[in-house]
Amino acid sequence: MIDGFIADFFCEEAKLVIEVDGGVHDSTKQKELDLYREKVFKARGILTVRFRNEDVLLRSDEVVQRIQTSPVAKTG
């Protein structure tokens, strides 16, 4: 748990949160909550990377590549 939020995946060493989002994240209210949550994480020096469910299921190689090339992964 990070400041009361549960992340889908969190690597403390890399200071990286990975979120896998479904359709519920398309609503305006949820987008606002997600943005606030990312600001909270960013204030702690944590990068948030988001993926859609279908990207993880159908394009996992691209997902892995994006994680590997994230700013955190480059420095870690």
C-alpha atoms as a PDB file:
ATOM      1  CA  MET A   1       0.000   0.000   0.000  1.00  0.00           C
ATOM      2  CA  ILE A   2       1.300   3.442  -0.967  1.00  0.00           C
ATOM      3  CA  ASP A   3      -0.343   6.341   0.882  1.00  0.00           C
ATOM      4  CA  GLY A   4      -3.563   4.357   1.106  1.00  0.00           C
ATOM      5  CA  PHE A   5      -3.517   3.208  -2.530  1.00  0.00           C
ATOM      6  CA  ILE A   6      -3.071  -0.353  -3.728  1.00  0.00           C
ATOM      7  CA  ALA A   7      -1.085  -0.641  -6.958  1.00  0.00           C
ATOM      8  CA  ASP A   8      -1.496  -3.534  -9.363  1.00  0.00           C
ATOM      9  CA  PHE A   9       2.287  -4.046  -9.381  1.00  0.00           C
ATOM     10  CA  PHE A  10       4.946  -2.125  -7.467  1.00  0.00           C
ATOM     11  CA  CYS A  11       8.719  -2.420  -7.486  1.00  0.00           C
ATOM     12  CA  GLU A  12      10.084  -0.446  -4.571  1.00  0.00           C
ATOM     13  CA  GLU A  13      13.684  -0.733  -5.755  1.00  0.00           C
ATOM     14  CA  ALA A  14      12.859   0.758  -9.165  1.00  0.00           C
ATOM     15  CA  LYS A  15      10.208   3.108  -7.724  1.00  0.00           C
ATOM     16  CA  LEU A  16       7.853   1.904 -10.446  1.00  0.00           C
ATOM     17  CA  VAL A  17       4.114   1.229 -10.340  1.00  0.00           C
ATOM     18  CA  ILE A  18       2.500  -0.676 -13.185  1.00  0.00           C
ATOM     19  CA  GLU A  19      -1.249  -0.398 -13.540  1.00  0.00           C
ATOM     20  CA  VAL A  20      -3.329  -2.693 -15.753  1.00  0.00           C
ATOM     21  CA  ASP A  21      -6.625  -0.981 -16.511  1.00  0.00           C
ATOM     22  CA  GLY A  22      -9.950  -2.164 -17.845  1.00  0.00           C
ATOM     23  CA  GLY A  23     -12.942  -0.221 -19.047  1.00  0.00           C
ATOM     24  CA  VAL A  24     -13.804   1.103 -15.585  1.00  0.00           C
ATOM     25  CA  HIS A  25     -10.865   3.492 -15.980  1.00  0.00           C
ATOM     26  CA  ASP A  26     -12.565   5.195 -18.945  1.00  0.00           C
ATOM     27  CA  SER A  27     -15.061   7.135 -16.819  1.00  0.00           C
ATOM     28  CA  THR A  28     -14.351  10.790 -16.094  1.00  0.00           C
ATOM     29  CA  LYS A  29     -14.489  10.229 -12.334  1.00  0.00           C
ATOM     30  CA  GLN A  30     -12.058   7.303 -12.483  1.00  0.00           C
ATOM     31  CA  LYS A  31      -9.674   9.255 -14.720  1.00  0.00           C
ATOM     32  CA  GLU A  32      -9.643  12.039 -12.110  1.00  0.00           C
ATOM     33  CA  LEU A  33      -8.952   9.538  -9.337  1.00  0.00           C
ATOM     34  CA  ASP A  34      -6.187   7.896 -11.386  1.00  0.00           C
ATOM     35  CA  LEU A  35      -4.576  11.285 -12.044  1.00  0.00           C
ATOM     36  CA  TYR A  36      -4.666  12.165  -8.334  1.00  0.00           C
ATOM     37  CA  ARG A  37      -3.159   8.796  -7.451  1.00  0.00           C
ATOM     38  CA  GLU A  38      -0.348   9.300  -9.966  1.00  0.00           C
ATOM     39  CA  LYS A  39       0.391  12.707  -8.407  1.00  0.00           C
ATOM     40  CA  VAL A  40       0.629  11.097  -4.977  1.00  0.00           C
ATOM     41  CA  PHE A  41       2.996   8.451  -6.310  1.00  0.00           C
ATOM     42  CA  LYS A  42       5.056  11.047  -8.205  1.00  0.00           C
ATOM     43  CA  ALA A  43       5.475  13.069  -5.002  1.00  0.00           C
ATOM     44  CA  ARG A  44       7.147   9.958  -3.548  1.00  0.00           C
ATOM     45  CA  GLY A  45       9.398   9.666  -6.610  1.00  0.00           C
ATOM     46  CA  ILE A  46       7.409   6.774  -8.061  1.00  0.00           C
ATOM     47  CA  LEU A  47       6.706   6.524 -11.786  1.00  0.00           C
ATOM     48  CA  THR A  48       3.347   5.080 -12.870  1.00  0.00           C
ATOM     49  CA  VAL A  49       3.088   3.223 -16.169  1.00  0.00           C
ATOM     50  CA  ARG A  50      -0.393   2.258 -17.356  1.00  0.00           C
ATOM     51  CA  PHE A  51      -1.479  -0.461 -19.733  1.00  0.00           C
ATOM     52  CA  ARG A  52      -4.866  -1.605 -20.940  1.00  0.00           C
ATOM     53  CA  ASN A  53      -5.928  -5.164 -20.124  1.00  0.00           C
ATOM     54  CA  GLU A  54      -5.983  -6.048 -23.811  1.00  0.00           C
ATOM     55  CA  ASP A  55      -2.417  -4.792 -24.300  1.00  0.00           C
ATOM     56  CA  VAL A  56      -1.170  -7.096 -21.548  1.00  0.00           C
ATOM     57  CA  LEU A  57      -3.125 -10.020 -22.974  1.00  0.00           C
ATOM     58  CA  LEU A  58      -2.503  -9.475 -26.697  1.00  0.00           C
ATOM     59  CA  ARG A  59       0.707  -7.432 -26.947  1.00  0.00           C
ATOM     60  CA  SER A  60       2.769  -8.550 -23.979  1.00  0.00           C
ATOM     61  CA  ASP A  61       6.081  -8.130 -25.844  1.00  0.00           C
ATOM     62  CA  GLU A  62       5.310  -4.429 -26.375  1.00  0.00           C
ATOM     63  CA  VAL A  63       4.305  -4.067 -22.730  1.00  0.00           C
ATOM     64  CA  VAL A  64       7.580  -5.599 -21.558  1.00  0.00           C
ATOM     65  CA  GLN A  65       9.563  -3.386 -23.942  1.00  0.00           C
ATOM     66  CA  ARG A  66       7.827  -0.260 -22.652  1.00  0.00           C
ATOM     67  CA  ILE A  67       8.585  -1.263 -19.059  1.00  0.00           C
ATOM     68  CA  GLN A  68      12.232  -1.937 -19.918  1.00  0.00           C
ATOM     69  CA  THR A  69      12.605   1.450 -21.608  1.00  0.00           C
ATOM     70  CA  SER A  70      10.821   3.455 -18.917  1.00  0.00           C
ATOM     71  CA  PRO A  71      12.918   6.232 -17.346  1.00  0.00           C
ATOM     72  CA  VAL A  72      13.137   4.257 -14.111  1.00  0.00           C
ATOM     73  CA  ALA A  73      14.352   1.085 -15.825  1.00  0.00           C
ATOM     74  CA  LYS A  74      17.067   3.040 -17.609  1.00  0.00           C
ATOM     75  CA  THR A  75      18.511   4.311 -14.347  1.00  0.00           C
ATOM     76  CA  GLY A  76      17.885   1.213 -12.261  1.00  0.00           C
END
